[in-house]
PDB file of all heavy atoms in Angstrom:
ATOM      1  N   SER A   1     233.282 -10.005 -65.724  1.00  0.00           N
ATOM      2  CA  SER A   1     232.076  -9.365 -65.202  1.00  0.00           C
ATOM      3  C   SER A   1     231.983  -7.912 -65.658  1.00  0.00           C
ATOM      4  O   SER A   1     230.893  -7.401 -65.936  1.00  0.00           O
ATOM      5  CB  SER A   1     232.002  -9.466 -63.682  1.00  0.00           C
ATOM      6  OG  SER A   1     233.059  -8.763 -63.083  1.00  0.00           O
ATOM      7  N   LYS A   2     233.121  -7.240 -65.768  1.00  0.00           N
ATOM      8  CA  LYS A   2     233.146  -5.855 -66.253  1.00  0.00           C
ATOM      9  C   LYS A   2     232.682  -5.800 -67.711  1.00  0.00           C
ATOM     10  O   LYS A   2     231.913  -4.915 -68.100  1.00  0.00           O
ATOM     11  CB  LYS A   2     234.568  -5.285 -66.109  1.00  0.00           C
ATOM     12  CG  LYS A   2     234.671  -3.823 -66.425  1.00  0.00           C
ATOM     13  CD  LYS A   2     233.986  -2.991 -65.356  1.00  0.00           C
ATOM     14  CE  LYS A   2     234.189  -1.522 -65.632  1.00  0.00           C
ATOM     15  NZ  LYS A   2     233.398  -0.687 -64.763  1.00  0.00           N
ATOM     16  N   LYS A   3     233.157  -6.754 -68.498  1.00  0.00           N
ATOM     17  CA  LYS A   3     232.791  -6.815 -69.913  1.00  0.00           C
ATOM     18  C   LYS A   3     231.278  -7.036 -70.071  1.00  0.00           C
ATOM     19  O   LYS A   3     230.617  -6.382 -70.873  1.00  0.00           O
ATOM     20  CB  LYS A   3     233.549  -7.974 -70.571  1.00  0.00           C
ATOM     21  CG  LYS A   3     233.496  -8.017 -72.071  1.00  0.00           C
ATOM     22  CD  LYS A   3     234.210  -9.273 -72.563  1.00  0.00           C
ATOM     23  CE  LYS A   3     235.196  -8.963 -73.644  1.00  0.00           C
ATOM     24  NZ  LYS A   3     235.900 -10.163 -74.126  1.00  0.00           N
ATOM     25  N   LYS A   4     230.732  -7.970 -69.267  1.00  0.00           N
ATOM     26  CA  LYS A   4     229.293  -8.257 -69.318  1.00  0.00           C
ATOM     27  C   LYS A   4     228.485  -7.053 -68.848  1.00  0.00           C
ATOM     28  O   LYS A   4     227.423  -6.752 -69.398  1.00  0.00           O
ATOM     29  CB  LYS A   4     228.959  -9.482 -68.463  1.00  0.00           C
ATOM     30  CG  LYS A   4     229.361 -10.782 -69.109  1.00  0.00           C
ATOM     31  CD  LYS A   4     228.922 -11.966 -68.271  1.00  0.00           C
ATOM     32  CE  LYS A   4     229.298 -13.265 -68.945  1.00  0.00           C
ATOM     33  NZ  LYS A   4     228.863 -14.433 -68.179  1.00  0.00           N
ATOM     34  N   GLU A   5     228.986  -6.369 -67.814  1.00  0.00           N
ATOM     35  CA  GLU A   5     228.311  -5.175 -67.298  1.00  0.00           C
ATOM     36  C   GLU A   5     228.217  -4.097 -68.382  1.00  0.00           C
ATOM     37  O   GLU A   5     227.171  -3.471 -68.559  1.00  0.00           O
ATOM     38  CB  GLU A   5     229.068  -4.629 -66.092  1.00  0.00           C
ATOM     39  CG  GLU A   5     228.464  -3.371 -65.493  1.00  0.00           C
ATOM     40  CD  GLU A   5     229.376  -2.697 -64.472  1.00  0.00           C
ATOM     41  OE1 GLU A   5     230.321  -3.353 -63.991  1.00  0.00           O
ATOM     42  OE2 GLU A   5     229.152  -1.516 -64.181  1.00  0.00           O
ATOM     43  N   MET A   6     229.303  -3.903 -69.112  1.00  0.00           N
ATOM     44  CA  MET A   6     229.323  -2.899 -70.186  1.00  0.00           C
ATOM     45  C   MET A   6     228.336  -3.272 -71.292  1.00  0.00           C
ATOM     46  O   MET A   6     227.617  -2.424 -71.821  1.00  0.00           O
ATOM     47  CB  MET A   6     230.734  -2.773 -70.767  1.00  0.00           C
ATOM     48  CG  MET A   6     231.764  -2.281 -69.770  1.00  0.00           C
ATOM     49  SD  MET A   6     231.467  -0.603 -69.229  1.00  0.00           S
ATOM     50  CE  MET A   6     232.174   0.273 -70.582  1.00  0.00           C
ATOM     51  N   ARG A   7     228.301  -4.551 -71.656  1.00  0.00           N
ATOM     52  CA  ARG A   7     227.378  -5.027 -72.689  1.00  0.00           C
ATOM     53  C   ARG A   7     225.928  -4.810 -72.257  1.00  0.00           C
ATOM     54  O   ARG A   7     225.117  -4.278 -73.016  1.00  0.00           O
ATOM     55  CB  ARG A   7     227.608  -6.514 -72.974  1.00  0.00           C
ATOM     56  CG  ARG A   7     226.768  -7.027 -74.154  1.00  0.00           C
ATOM     57  CD  ARG A   7     226.647  -8.531 -74.149  1.00  0.00           C
ATOM     58  NE  ARG A   7     225.700  -8.927 -73.114  1.00  0.00           N
ATOM     59  CZ  ARG A   7     225.345 -10.172 -72.854  1.00  0.00           C
ATOM     60  NH1 ARG A   7     225.891 -11.159 -73.516  1.00  0.00           N
ATOM     61  NH2 ARG A   7     224.468 -10.453 -71.917  1.00  0.00           N
ATOM     62  N   ASN A   8     225.626  -5.203 -71.016  1.00  0.00           N
ATOM     63  CA  ASN A   8     224.262  -5.054 -70.502  1.00  0.00           C
ATOM     64  C   ASN A   8     223.847  -3.594 -70.452  1.00  0.00           C
ATOM     65  O   ASN A   8     222.720  -3.242 -70.806  1.00  0.00           O
ATOM     66  CB  ASN A   8     224.145  -5.670 -69.110  1.00  0.00           C
ATOM     67  CG  ASN A   8     224.276  -7.170 -69.138  1.00  0.00           C
ATOM     68  OD1 ASN A   8     224.249  -7.799 -70.191  1.00  0.00           O
ATOM     69  ND2 ASN A   8     224.435  -7.755 -67.969  1.00  0.00           N
ATOM     70  N   LYS A   9     224.759  -2.734 -70.021  1.00  0.00           N
ATOM     71  CA  LYS A   9     224.481  -1.306 -69.920  1.00  0.00           C
ATOM     72  C   LYS A   9     224.198  -0.721 -71.302  1.00  0.00           C
ATOM     73  O   LYS A   9     223.277   0.083 -71.465  1.00  0.00           O
ATOM     74  CB  LYS A   9     225.662  -0.593 -69.261  1.00  0.00           C
ATOM     75  CG  LYS A   9     225.320   0.787 -68.723  1.00  0.00           C
ATOM     76  CD  LYS A   9     226.512   1.408 -68.022  1.00  0.00           C
ATOM     77  CE  LYS A   9     226.727   0.809 -66.646  1.00  0.00           C
ATOM     78  NZ  LYS A   9     227.738   1.541 -65.859  1.00  0.00           N
ATOM     79  N   ALA A  10     224.976  -1.130 -72.300  1.00  0.00           N
ATOM     80  CA  ALA A  10     224.797  -0.629 -73.663  1.00  0.00           C
ATOM     81  C   ALA A  10     223.444  -1.052 -74.225  1.00  0.00           C
ATOM     82  O   ALA A  10     222.740  -0.242 -74.850  1.00  0.00           O
ATOM     83  CB  ALA A  10     225.915  -1.138 -74.557  1.00  0.00           C
ATOM     84  N   ILE A  11     223.068  -2.291 -73.991  1.00  0.00           N
ATOM     85  CA  ILE A  11     221.793  -2.794 -74.519  1.00  0.00           C
ATOM     86  C   ILE A  11     220.622  -2.119 -73.809  1.00  0.00           C
ATOM     87  O   ILE A  11     219.638  -1.734 -74.454  1.00  0.00           O
ATOM     88  CB  ILE A  11     221.728  -4.326 -74.412  1.00  0.00           C
ATOM     89  CG1 ILE A  11     222.763  -4.944 -75.361  1.00  0.00           C
ATOM     90  CG2 ILE A  11     220.337  -4.844 -74.741  1.00  0.00           C
ATOM     91  CD1 ILE A  11     222.943  -6.430 -75.237  1.00  0.00           C
ATOM     92  N   LYS A  12     220.708  -1.948 -72.483  1.00  0.00           N
ATOM     93  CA  LYS A  12     219.640  -1.267 -71.743  1.00  0.00           C
ATOM     94  C   LYS A  12     219.493   0.164 -72.220  1.00  0.00           C
ATOM     95  O   LYS A  12     218.374   0.673 -72.363  1.00  0.00           O
ATOM     96  CB  LYS A  12     219.926  -1.276 -70.234  1.00  0.00           C
ATOM     97  CG  LYS A  12     219.495  -2.537 -69.555  1.00  0.00           C
ATOM     98  CD  LYS A  12     219.606  -2.393 -68.040  1.00  0.00           C
ATOM     99  CE  LYS A  12     219.088  -3.636 -67.351  1.00  0.00           C
ATOM    100  NZ  LYS A  12     219.074  -3.512 -65.908  1.00  0.00           N
ATOM    101  N   SER A  13     220.601   0.818 -72.469  1.00  0.00           N
ATOM    102  CA  SER A  13     220.580   2.193 -72.957  1.00  0.00           C
ATOM    103  C   SER A  13     219.918   2.268 -74.325  1.00  0.00           C
ATOM    104  O   SER A  13     219.111   3.176 -74.587  1.00  0.00           O
ATOM    105  CB  SER A  13     222.008   2.729 -73.031  1.00  0.00           C
ATOM    106  OG  SER A  13     222.020   4.021 -73.557  1.00  0.00           O
ATOM    107  N   LYS A  14     220.231   1.319 -75.189  1.00  0.00           N
ATOM    108  CA  LYS A  14     219.640   1.272 -76.526  1.00  0.00           C
ATOM    109  C   LYS A  14     218.123   1.100 -76.438  1.00  0.00           C
ATOM    110  O   LYS A  14     217.368   1.763 -77.154  1.00  0.00           O
ATOM    111  CB  LYS A  14     220.263   0.132 -77.327  1.00  0.00           C
ATOM    112  CG  LYS A  14     219.850   0.088 -78.781  1.00  0.00           C
ATOM    113  CD  LYS A  14     220.612  -0.993 -79.522  1.00  0.00           C
ATOM    114  CE  LYS A  14     220.304  -0.959 -80.999  1.00  0.00           C
ATOM    115  NZ  LYS A  14     221.001  -2.013 -81.727  1.00  0.00           N
ATOM    116  N   VAL A  15     217.683   0.200 -75.548  1.00  0.00           N
ATOM    117  CA  VAL A  15     216.249  -0.038 -75.361  1.00  0.00           C
ATOM    118  C   VAL A  15     215.561   1.235 -74.882  1.00  0.00           C
ATOM    119  O   VAL A  15     214.500   1.611 -75.387  1.00  0.00           O
ATOM    120  CB  VAL A  15     215.995  -1.206 -74.375  1.00  0.00           C
ATOM    121  CG1 VAL A  15     214.541  -1.261 -73.949  1.00  0.00           C
ATOM    122  CG2 VAL A  15     216.413  -2.529 -75.006  1.00  0.00           C
ATOM    123  N   LYS A  16     216.170   1.918 -73.913  1.00  0.00           N
ATOM    124  CA  LYS A  16     215.588   3.154 -73.386  1.00  0.00           C
ATOM    125  C   LYS A  16     215.445   4.205 -74.481  1.00  0.00           C
ATOM    126  O   LYS A  16     214.432   4.906 -74.560  1.00  0.00           O
ATOM    127  CB  LYS A  16     216.442   3.714 -72.246  1.00  0.00           C
ATOM    128  CG  LYS A  16     216.318   2.941 -70.953  1.00  0.00           C
ATOM    129  CD  LYS A  16     217.231   3.542 -69.905  1.00  0.00           C
ATOM    130  CE  LYS A  16     217.294   2.678 -68.657  1.00  0.00           C
ATOM    131  NZ  LYS A  16     218.238   3.191 -67.671  1.00  0.00           N
ATOM    132  N   THR A  17     216.463   4.313 -75.345  1.00  0.00           N
ATOM    133  CA  THR A  17     216.428   5.274 -76.448  1.00  0.00           C
ATOM    134  C   THR A  17     215.286   4.948 -77.397  1.00  0.00           C
ATOM    135  O   THR A  17     214.551   5.845 -77.829  1.00  0.00           O
ATOM    136  CB  THR A  17     217.772   5.257 -77.210  1.00  0.00           C
ATOM    137  OG1 THR A  17     218.817   5.560 -76.295  1.00  0.00           O
ATOM    138  CG2 THR A  17     217.773   6.273 -78.341  1.00  0.00           C
ATOM    139  N   LEU A  18     215.125   3.670 -77.722  1.00  0.00           N
ATOM    140  CA  LEU A  18     214.067   3.255 -78.643  1.00  0.00           C
ATOM    141  C   LEU A  18     212.675   3.485 -78.042  1.00  0.00           C
ATOM    142  O   LEU A  18     211.754   3.878 -78.750  1.00  0.00           O
ATOM    143  CB  LEU A  18     214.255   1.785 -79.035  1.00  0.00           C
ATOM    144  CG  LEU A  18     215.495   1.502 -79.883  1.00  0.00           C
ATOM    145  CD1 LEU A  18     215.719  -0.002 -80.024  1.00  0.00           C
ATOM    146  CD2 LEU A  18     215.383   2.153 -81.244  1.00  0.00           C
ATOM    147  N   VAL A  19     212.546   3.263 -76.734  1.00  0.00           N
ATOM    148  CA  VAL A  19     211.271   3.513 -76.054  1.00  0.00           C
ATOM    149  C   VAL A  19     210.952   5.010 -76.095  1.00  0.00           C
ATOM    150  O   VAL A  19     209.796   5.407 -76.317  1.00  0.00           O
ATOM    151  CB  VAL A  19     211.301   2.984 -74.599  1.00  0.00           C
ATOM    152  CG1 VAL A  19     210.110   3.474 -73.799  1.00  0.00           C
ATOM    153  CG2 VAL A  19     211.360   1.470 -74.597  1.00  0.00           C
ATOM    154  N   LYS A  20     211.971   5.844 -75.910  1.00  0.00           N
ATOM    155  CA  LYS A  20     211.772   7.295 -75.977  1.00  0.00           C
ATOM    156  C   LYS A  20     211.311   7.721 -77.367  1.00  0.00           C
ATOM    157  O   LYS A  20     210.492   8.629 -77.498  1.00  0.00           O
ATOM    158  CB  LYS A  20     213.060   8.039 -75.609  1.00  0.00           C
ATOM    159  CG  LYS A  20     213.353   8.055 -74.128  1.00  0.00           C
ATOM    160  CD  LYS A  20     214.654   8.784 -73.846  1.00  0.00           C
ATOM    161  CE  LYS A  20     215.080   8.593 -72.404  1.00  0.00           C
ATOM    162  NZ  LYS A  20     216.414   9.150 -72.149  1.00  0.00           N
ATOM    163  N   LYS A  21     211.845   7.064 -78.414  1.00  0.00           N
ATOM    164  CA  LYS A  21     211.419   7.378 -79.785  1.00  0.00           C
ATOM    165  C   LYS A  21     209.946   7.044 -79.980  1.00  0.00           C
ATOM    166  O   LYS A  21     209.208   7.793 -80.626  1.00  0.00           O
ATOM    167  CB  LYS A  21     212.274   6.621 -80.801  1.00  0.00           C
ATOM    168  CG  LYS A  21     213.648   7.201 -80.982  1.00  0.00           C
ATOM    169  CD  LYS A  21     214.433   6.471 -82.057  1.00  0.00           C
ATOM    170  CE  LYS A  21     215.826   7.068 -82.190  1.00  0.00           C
ATOM    171  NZ  LYS A  21     216.649   6.344 -83.171  1.00  0.00           N
ATOM    172  N   VAL A  22     209.505   5.923 -79.434  1.00  0.00           N
ATOM    173  CA  VAL A  22     208.089   5.541 -79.521  1.00  0.00           C
ATOM    174  C   VAL A  22     207.240   6.565 -78.777  1.00  0.00           C
ATOM    175  O   VAL A  22     206.219   7.041 -79.297  1.00  0.00           O
ATOM    176  CB  VAL A  22     207.845   4.123 -78.952  1.00  0.00           C
ATOM    177  CG1 VAL A  22     206.368   3.796 -78.941  1.00  0.00           C
ATOM    178  CG2 VAL A  22     208.610   3.083 -79.747  1.00  0.00           C
ATOM    179  N   ASP A  23     207.664   6.933 -77.571  1.00  0.00           N
ATOM    180  CA  ASP A  23     206.922   7.913 -76.770  1.00  0.00           C
ATOM    181  C   ASP A  23     206.838   9.268 -77.469  1.00  0.00           C
ATOM    182  O   ASP A  23     205.806   9.934 -77.424  1.00  0.00           O
ATOM    183  CB  ASP A  23     207.560   8.078 -75.386  1.00  0.00           C
ATOM    184  CG  ASP A  23     207.347   6.854 -74.503  1.00  0.00           C
ATOM    185  OD1 ASP A  23     206.391   6.097 -74.752  1.00  0.00           O
ATOM    186  OD2 ASP A  23     208.139   6.666 -73.558  1.00  0.00           O
ATOM    187  N   ALA A  24     207.922   9.674 -78.130  1.00  0.00           N
ATOM    188  CA  ALA A  24     207.934  10.950 -78.849  1.00  0.00           C
ATOM    189  C   ALA A  24     206.943  10.920 -80.007  1.00  0.00           C
ATOM    190  O   ALA A  24     206.211  11.885 -80.233  1.00  0.00           O
ATOM    191  CB  ALA A  24     209.336  11.256 -79.358  1.00  0.00           C
ATOM    192  N   ALA A  25     206.896   9.808 -80.728  1.00  0.00           N
ATOM    193  CA  ALA A  25     205.961   9.665 -81.846  1.00  0.00           C
ATOM    194  C   ALA A  25     204.521   9.668 -81.350  1.00  0.00           C
ATOM    195  O   ALA A  25     203.635  10.241 -81.989  1.00  0.00           O
ATOM    196  CB  ALA A  25     206.257   8.391 -82.624  1.00  0.00           C
ATOM    197  N   ILE A  26     204.288   9.068 -80.192  1.00  0.00           N
ATOM    198  CA  ILE A  26     202.945   9.050 -79.593  1.00  0.00           C
ATOM    199  C   ILE A  26     202.543  10.470 -79.193  1.00  0.00           C
ATOM    200  O   ILE A  26     201.411  10.894 -79.433  1.00  0.00           O
ATOM    201  CB  ILE A  26     202.899   8.102 -78.370  1.00  0.00           C
ATOM    202  CG1 ILE A  26     203.034   6.647 -78.832  1.00  0.00           C
ATOM    203  CG2 ILE A  26     201.621   8.281 -77.577  1.00  0.00           C
ATOM    204  CD1 ILE A  26     203.285   5.656 -77.717  1.00  0.00           C
ATOM    205  N   ALA A  27     203.476  11.200 -78.598  1.00  0.00           N
ATOM    206  CA  ALA A  27     203.200  12.578 -78.175  1.00  0.00           C
ATOM    207  C   ALA A  27     202.846  13.462 -79.368  1.00  0.00           C
ATOM    208  O   ALA A  27     201.991  14.346 -79.261  1.00  0.00           O
ATOM    209  CB  ALA A  27     204.397  13.152 -77.435  1.00  0.00           C
ATOM    210  N   GLU A  28     203.504  13.218 -80.505  1.00  0.00           N
ATOM    211  CA  GLU A  28     203.204  13.983 -81.722  1.00  0.00           C
ATOM    212  C   GLU A  28     201.877  13.553 -82.334  1.00  0.00           C
ATOM    213  O   GLU A  28     201.277  14.304 -83.101  1.00  0.00           O
ATOM    214  CB  GLU A  28     204.305  13.768 -82.773  1.00  0.00           C
ATOM    215  CG  GLU A  28     205.618  14.418 -82.443  1.00  0.00           C
ATOM    216  CD  GLU A  28     206.706  14.073 -83.458  1.00  0.00           C
ATOM    217  OE1 GLU A  28     206.385  13.476 -84.510  1.00  0.00           O
ATOM    218  OE2 GLU A  28     207.870  14.403 -83.186  1.00  0.00           O
ATOM    219  N   GLY A  29     201.436  12.346 -82.019  1.00  0.00           N
ATOM    220  CA  GLY A  29     200.200  11.820 -82.592  1.00  0.00           C
ATOM    221  C   GLY A  29     200.427  11.202 -83.964  1.00  0.00           C
ATOM    222  O   GLY A  29     199.486  10.981 -84.720  1.00  0.00           O
ATOM    223  N   ASN A  30     201.667  10.907 -84.291  1.00  0.00           N
ATOM    224  CA  ASN A  30     202.029  10.331 -85.583  1.00  0.00           C
ATOM    225  C   ASN A  30     201.980   8.807 -85.479  1.00  0.00           C
ATOM    226  O   ASN A  30     202.918   8.169 -85.038  1.00  0.00           O
ATOM    227  CB  ASN A  30     203.425  10.811 -85.984  1.00  0.00           C
ATOM    228  CG  ASN A  30     203.784  10.439 -87.397  1.00  0.00           C
ATOM    229  OD1 ASN A  30     203.164   9.565 -88.001  1.00  0.00           O
ATOM    230  ND2 ASN A  30     204.788  11.108 -87.935  1.00  0.00           N
ATOM    231  N   LYS A  31     200.846   8.218 -85.897  1.00  0.00           N
ATOM    232  CA  LYS A  31     200.639   6.782 -85.727  1.00  0.00           C
ATOM    233  C   LYS A  31     201.594   5.938 -86.572  1.00  0.00           C
ATOM    234  O   LYS A  31     202.130   4.930 -86.099  1.00  0.00           O
ATOM    235  CB  LYS A  31     199.194   6.402 -86.054  1.00  0.00           C
ATOM    236  CG  LYS A  31     198.862   4.967 -85.704  1.00  0.00           C
ATOM    237  CD  LYS A  31     197.386   4.715 -85.635  1.00  0.00           C
ATOM    238  CE  LYS A  31     197.106   3.257 -85.341  1.00  0.00           C
ATOM    239  NZ  LYS A  31     196.566   3.043 -84.023  1.00  0.00           N
ATOM    240  N   ALA A  32     201.829   6.345 -87.813  1.00  0.00           N
ATOM    241  CA  ALA A  32     202.706   5.566 -88.697  1.00  0.00           C
ATOM    242  C   ALA A  32     204.128   5.506 -88.136  1.00  0.00           C
ATOM    243  O   ALA A  32     204.757   4.438 -88.104  1.00  0.00           O
ATOM    244  CB  ALA A  32     202.714   6.175 -90.091  1.00  0.00           C
ATOM    245  N   GLU A  33     204.617   6.651 -87.694  1.00  0.00           N
ATOM    246  CA  GLU A  33     205.968   6.711 -87.122  1.00  0.00           C
ATOM    247  C   GLU A  33     206.037   5.917 -85.819  1.00  0.00           C
ATOM    248  O   GLU A  33     207.015   5.224 -85.559  1.00  0.00           O
ATOM    249  CB  GLU A  33     206.357   8.175 -86.870  1.00  0.00           C
ATOM    250  CG  GLU A  33     207.810   8.380 -86.527  1.00  0.00           C
ATOM    251  CD  GLU A  33     208.147   9.847 -86.296  1.00  0.00           C
ATOM    252  OE1 GLU A  33     207.723  10.684 -87.132  1.00  0.00           O
ATOM    253  OE2 GLU A  33     208.811  10.135 -85.290  1.00  0.00           O
ATOM    254  N   ALA A  34     204.979   6.002 -85.013  1.00  0.00           N
ATOM    255  CA  ALA A  34     204.936   5.285 -83.738  1.00  0.00           C
ATOM    256  C   ALA A  34     204.941   3.778 -83.963  1.00  0.00           C
ATOM    257  O   ALA A  34     205.634   3.044 -83.250  1.00  0.00           O
ATOM    258  CB  ALA A  34     203.699   5.699 -82.946  1.00  0.00           C
ATOM    259  N   GLU A  35     204.197   3.315 -84.956  1.00  0.00           N
ATOM    260  CA  GLU A  35     204.154   1.877 -85.244  1.00  0.00           C
ATOM    261  C   GLU A  35     205.505   1.363 -85.735  1.00  0.00           C
ATOM    262  O   GLU A  35     205.931   0.262 -85.364  1.00  0.00           O
ATOM    263  CB  GLU A  35     203.059   1.567 -86.271  1.00  0.00           C
ATOM    264  CG  GLU A  35     201.663   1.662 -85.686  1.00  0.00           C
ATOM    265  CD  GLU A  35     200.561   1.468 -86.713  1.00  0.00           C
ATOM    266  OE1 GLU A  35     200.838   1.598 -87.928  1.00  0.00           O
ATOM    267  OE2 GLU A  35     199.430   1.187 -86.294  1.00  0.00           O
ATOM    268  N   ALA A  36     206.170   2.167 -86.568  1.00  0.00           N
ATOM    269  CA  ALA A  36     207.499   1.773 -87.050  1.00  0.00           C
ATOM    270  C   ALA A  36     208.496   1.708 -85.895  1.00  0.00           C
ATOM    271  O   ALA A  36     209.285   0.752 -85.787  1.00  0.00           O
ATOM    272  CB  ALA A  36     207.982   2.760 -88.109  1.00  0.00           C
ATOM    273  N   ALA A  37     208.458   2.709 -85.023  1.00  0.00           N
ATOM    274  CA  ALA A  37     209.355   2.745 -83.861  1.00  0.00           C
ATOM    275  C   ALA A  37     209.028   1.605 -82.900  1.00  0.00           C
ATOM    276  O   ALA A  37     209.934   1.016 -82.290  1.00  0.00           O
ATOM    277  CB  ALA A  37     209.253   4.088 -83.160  1.00  0.00           C
ATOM    278  N   LEU A  38     207.743   1.286 -82.769  1.00  0.00           N
ATOM    279  CA  LEU A  38     207.307   0.200 -81.886  1.00  0.00           C
ATOM    280  C   LEU A  38     207.873  -1.137 -82.355  1.00  0.00           C
ATOM    281  O   LEU A  38     208.331  -1.944 -81.543  1.00  0.00           O
ATOM    282  CB  LEU A  38     205.779   0.121 -81.832  1.00  0.00           C
ATOM    283  CG  LEU A  38     205.191  -1.058 -81.043  1.00  0.00           C
ATOM    284  CD1 LEU A  38     205.485  -0.892 -79.561  1.00  0.00           C
ATOM    285  CD2 LEU A  38     203.702  -1.161 -81.271  1.00  0.00           C
ATOM    286  N   LEU A  39     207.865  -1.353 -83.648  1.00  0.00           N
ATOM    287  CA  LEU A  39     208.376  -2.599 -84.216  1.00  0.00           C
ATOM    288  C   LEU A  39     209.851  -2.793 -83.860  1.00  0.00           C
ATOM    289  O   LEU A  39     210.271  -3.873 -83.419  1.00  0.00           O
ATOM    290  CB  LEU A  39     208.188  -2.584 -85.733  1.00  0.00           C
ATOM    291  CG  LEU A  39     208.379  -3.903 -86.461  1.00  0.00           C
ATOM    292  CD1 LEU A  39     207.295  -4.890 -86.055  1.00  0.00           C
ATOM    293  CD2 LEU A  39     208.340  -3.680 -87.959  1.00  0.00           C
ATOM    294  N   VAL A  40     210.625  -1.734 -84.016  1.00  0.00           N
ATOM    295  CA  VAL A  40     212.060  -1.786 -83.706  1.00  0.00           C
ATOM    296  C   VAL A  40     212.268  -1.982 -82.203  1.00  0.00           C
ATOM    297  O   VAL A  40     213.083  -2.807 -81.780  1.00  0.00           O
ATOM    298  CB  VAL A  40     212.760  -0.494 -84.185  1.00  0.00           C
ATOM    299  CG1 VAL A  40     214.220  -0.486 -83.770  1.00  0.00           C
ATOM    300  CG2 VAL A  40     212.638  -0.351 -85.691  1.00  0.00           C
ATOM    301  N   ALA A  41     211.527  -1.228 -81.394  1.00  0.00           N
ATOM    302  CA  ALA A  41     211.670  -1.314 -79.940  1.00  0.00           C
ATOM    303  C   ALA A  41     211.285  -2.702 -79.424  1.00  0.00           C
ATOM    304  O   ALA A  41     211.983  -3.273 -78.572  1.00  0.00           O
ATOM    305  CB  ALA A  41     210.815  -0.241 -79.264  1.00  0.00           C
TER     306      ALA A  41
END
């Protein structure tokens, strides 16, 4: 259960980071960068 918890935490953290990248690109108004980040997220 500890191993699964660590895996889940790492993946959730990765998703949050990718969402922040999309939000940052949106804030800048850079559509091309936002679309690329959106695809990955």
